[in-house]
Amino acid sequence: MHLIPYLFIAFIVIAFLYFVPLNIWVTATFSGVKVSLMELIFLRIRRSPVDEIVNALIICHKSSIPIELQHLEVHAIAGGNVESVVKTCIKAKQKGVHANFREICAWDLAGWNMDDMLRNKANSEESQNLKIDILNKVDSLSERELVELQSFMSQFR
């Protein structure tokens, strides 16, 4: 009979430690990521992968990539690989490729190879920049140079 209050307290403590991931909150706080205990509790209640999401959020914060917790959670719930998406965002930033988070998430959910998609995106941006450079150079040509260029190009028609 005297054991029931202790069992009740033990149950409350175990339930608290299950729903309140204190270790993850401490890690996030010391890493400079602002995440509340309530957000972590709701993540846990929604059965989201709390560890994976918070670790990705920490990596984003350290890499100065502005991605919100909710966006990472939605991608994880949709069946995406959060870590892979974050690493691809970092690679895109390092290579100077303009790929946004939603686009990279779509690549991941479609099952495409992230490195190939990033490479293709970089190549298309380079070709677009080359076209712009060519147009700028053509605009800066004198009238005589423009006539010479047109006569040269007419040979290929």
Protein backbone atom coordinates (compact mmCIF):
# COMPACT_ATOMS: atom_id res chain seq x y z
CA MET A 1 0.00 0.00 0.00
CA HIS A 2 2.89 2.37 0.73
CA LEU A 3 4.41 1.47 -2.63
CA ILE A 4 1.67 3.08 -4.77
CA PRO A 5 2.77 6.73 -4.27
CA TYR A 6 6.36 5.80 -5.20
CA LEU A 7 5.19 3.98 -8.33
CA PHE A 8 3.07 6.97 -9.27
CA ILE A 9 6.03 9.34 -8.82
CA ALA A 10 8.26 6.98 -10.82
CA PHE A 11 5.67 6.88 -13.59
CA ILE A 12 5.45 10.69 -13.67
CA VAL A 13 9.26 11.02 -13.80
CA ILE A 14 9.57 8.46 -16.62
CA ALA A 15 6.76 10.12 -18.59
CA PHE A 16 8.36 13.53 -18.04
CA LEU A 17 11.76 12.33 -19.24
CA TYR A 18 10.18 10.68 -22.29
CA PHE A 19 8.20 13.71 -23.40
CA VAL A 20 10.74 16.36 -22.38
CA PRO A 21 14.04 15.73 -24.17
CA LEU A 22 16.19 17.76 -21.78
CA ASN A 23 19.48 16.56 -23.24
CA ILE A 24 18.50 17.73 -26.73
CA TRP A 25 17.31 21.08 -25.37
CA VAL A 26 20.60 21.60 -23.49
CA THR A 27 22.60 20.70 -26.61
CA ALA A 28 20.59 23.10 -28.75
CA THR A 29 20.82 25.90 -26.20
CA PHE A 30 24.59 25.61 -25.84
CA SER A 31 24.92 25.53 -29.63
CA GLY A 32 23.14 28.86 -29.87
CA VAL A 33 19.90 27.51 -31.37
CA LYS A 34 16.78 29.03 -29.87
CA VAL A 35 14.33 26.20 -29.36
CA SER A 36 11.91 25.98 -26.46
CA LEU A 37 11.13 22.95 -24.37
CA MET A 38 7.50 23.20 -25.47
CA GLU A 39 8.53 22.95 -29.13
CA LEU A 40 10.53 19.84 -28.35
CA ILE A 41 7.64 18.35 -26.39
CA PHE A 42 5.26 18.97 -29.29
CA LEU A 43 7.78 17.44 -31.70
CA ARG A 44 7.89 14.36 -29.50
CA ILE A 45 4.09 14.19 -29.23
CA ARG A 46 3.80 14.42 -33.03
CA ARG A 47 6.33 11.57 -33.21
CA SER A 48 8.79 13.60 -35.23
CA PRO A 49 12.48 12.59 -35.13
CA VAL A 50 13.50 15.17 -32.53
CA ASP A 51 17.21 14.27 -32.47
CA GLU A 52 17.54 14.39 -36.24
CA ILE A 53 15.66 17.68 -36.58
CA VAL A 54 17.50 19.49 -33.78
CA ASN A 55 20.91 18.25 -34.96
CA ALA A 56 20.10 19.52 -38.47
CA LEU A 57 18.97 22.82 -36.99
CA ILE A 58 22.27 23.12 -35.11
CA ILE A 59 24.23 22.43 -38.31
CA CYS A 60 22.17 25.07 -40.16
CA HIS A 61 22.79 27.59 -37.39
CA LYS A 62 26.56 26.94 -37.41
CA SER A 63 26.61 27.28 -41.23
CA SER A 64 24.53 30.49 -41.17
CA ILE A 65 21.75 28.92 -43.20
CA PRO A 66 18.35 30.30 -42.12
CA ILE A 67 16.06 27.28 -41.95
CA GLU A 68 13.23 27.08 -39.44
CA LEU A 69 12.43 24.14 -37.18
CA GLN A 70 8.96 23.77 -38.70
CA HIS A 71 10.35 23.38 -42.22
CA LEU A 72 12.73 20.64 -41.10
CA GLU A 73 9.91 18.89 -39.25
CA VAL A 74 7.61 18.98 -42.28
CA HIS A 75 10.34 17.48 -44.45
CA ALA A 76 11.05 14.75 -41.89
CA ILE A 77 7.35 13.89 -41.57
CA ALA A 78 7.06 13.75 -45.36
CA GLY A 79 9.69 11.01 -45.32
CA GLY A 80 12.66 13.09 -46.38
CA ASN A 81 16.24 12.81 -45.25
CA VAL A 82 16.75 15.98 -43.21
CA GLU A 83 20.50 15.51 -42.80
CA SER A 84 21.01 15.05 -46.54
CA VAL A 85 18.98 18.17 -47.34
CA VAL A 86 20.95 20.28 -44.86
CA LYS A 87 24.28 19.01 -46.21
CA THR A 88 23.14 19.84 -49.75
CA CYS A 89 22.12 23.34 -48.63
CA ILE A 90 25.61 23.80 -47.19
CA LYS A 91 27.25 22.54 -50.41
CA ALA A 92 25.08 24.87 -52.48
CA LYS A 93 26.08 27.82 -50.31
CA GLN A 94 29.78 26.91 -50.53
CA LYS A 95 29.64 26.54 -54.32
CA GLY A 96 27.59 29.69 -54.76
CA VAL A 97 24.68 27.82 -56.33
CA HIS A 98 21.29 29.47 -55.85
CA ALA A 99 19.18 26.53 -54.68
CA ASN A 100 16.57 27.19 -52.03
CA PHE A 101 15.50 24.85 -49.25
CA ARG A 102 12.15 23.93 -50.83
CA GLU A 103 13.81 23.03 -54.12
CA ILE A 104 16.35 20.80 -52.39
CA CYS A 105 13.57 19.15 -50.35
CA ALA A 106 11.72 18.40 -53.59
CA TRP A 107 14.85 16.76 -55.01
CA ASP A 108 15.16 14.64 -51.88
CA LEU A 109 11.52 13.55 -51.82
CA ALA A 110 11.69 12.70 -55.54
CA GLY A 111 14.61 10.39 -54.78
CA TRP A 112 17.05 12.21 -57.02
CA ASN A 113 20.78 12.24 -56.41
CA MET A 114 21.45 15.50 -54.59
CA ASP A 115 25.02 15.93 -55.85
CA ASP A 116 23.94 15.44 -59.48
CA MET A 117 21.08 17.91 -59.10
CA LEU A 118 23.40 20.48 -57.52
CA ARG A 119 25.93 19.98 -60.32
CA ASN A 120 23.20 20.40 -62.98
CA LYS A 121 21.92 23.54 -61.27
CA ALA A 122 25.45 24.99 -61.13
CA ASN A 123 26.02 24.24 -64.83
CA SER A 124 22.73 25.88 -65.85
CA GLU A 125 23.61 28.97 -63.81
CA GLU A 126 27.05 29.12 -65.45
CA SER A 127 25.55 28.90 -68.94
CA GLN A 128 23.02 31.61 -68.04
CA ASN A 129 25.83 33.85 -66.78
CA LEU A 130 27.79 33.18 -70.00
CA LYS A 131 24.77 34.24 -72.09
CA ILE A 132 24.46 37.44 -70.08
CA ASP A 133 28.19 38.15 -70.54
CA ILE A 134 27.91 37.61 -74.30
CA LEU A 135 24.90 39.93 -74.53
CA ASN A 136 26.69 42.60 -72.53
CA LYS A 137 29.71 42.37 -74.82
CA VAL A 138 27.52 42.57 -77.94
CA ASP A 139 25.80 45.66 -76.51
CA SER A 140 29.18 47.33 -75.98
CA LEU A 141 30.33 46.77 -79.59
CA SER A 142 30.68 49.69 -81.92
CA GLU A 143 28.55 49.84 -85.06
CA ARG A 144 31.45 48.73 -87.27
CA GLU A 145 32.26 45.78 -84.98
CA LEU A 146 28.60 44.82 -84.92
CA VAL A 147 28.42 44.74 -88.73
CA GLU A 148 31.56 42.59 -88.84
CA LEU A 149 30.08 40.19 -86.28
CA GLN A 150 26.82 39.92 -88.23
CA SER A 151 28.65 39.17 -91.48
CA PHE A 152 30.76 36.57 -89.70
CA MET A 153 27.68 34.93 -88.15
CA SER A 154 25.86 34.86 -91.52
CA GLN A 155 28.44 32.35 -92.74
CA PHE A 156 26.98 29.74 -90.36
CA ARG A 157 23.34 30.03 -91.46
